[in-house]
Structures are given as structure tokens and as C-alpha cells.
């Protein structure tokens, strides 16, 4: 059996076994998906979860944890200042640009999950 990894896991949501939520693709997939077969072959087992809201809570907690870690490197207030002043982030080192891009992506994921 695989160790639980919220970034690479699959769920049946609210008893619906006709589709599966994949944290890898951040979407629902068909039970016939080849990546799912490979994951099961490695010992993965699809988790049953009571509701979409419960799944959102699990996924959001993981994303918020990642955002919190990134906020120690680039505080949110600093990003807001850059945005308000139209600062050109391409002037920053690539590692900082990558962190900002990841933070934006994580925030988008949370917004998508909550809608």
C-alpha cells in the first residue's frame, strides 16, 4: 500500500464511483484513466470521502500549508506593495519569480476548489 500523499491521491466523492477526483490533475477523472491504473498497480487505493466540501477542506489545508511556507520567503504585504506599484517582478532573481508564480498558482487552486 502507498503512503498517503495529498498531492498524489484519488477520491470517490459522496458515493459517486463513476468519476474520481485526482489531486495530481486537480480535477475529476474517468475510472479508466491510465495514471490511475499505474497508481493502483503501485499499491494505491481510492479513498471514499463523504462530500465535495470535505475534499475541499483536505486539499485547501495542504495548499494553505504550502502558502504559509512561501510567505516566510516572500511576505504577502510585499507582494501587495509590488502589485500596487506595478513593480516589474522580472527584475527579481529567478528563484523569487518562481516562488511568486507558485504562490499565485496555489491561490488560484484554492479559489477553484471553493467555487
Foldseek 3Di string as FASTA:
>chain_A
DDDDDLCAAWEDAQPDPQWIQGSVVRGIDGPPDPVNVVCVVVPGDYYYDNHLVVNLVVLLVVLVVVLVVLCVVPPPVNVVVCVVVVPDCVVPPPVNVVSVVSNVVSVVSNVVSVD
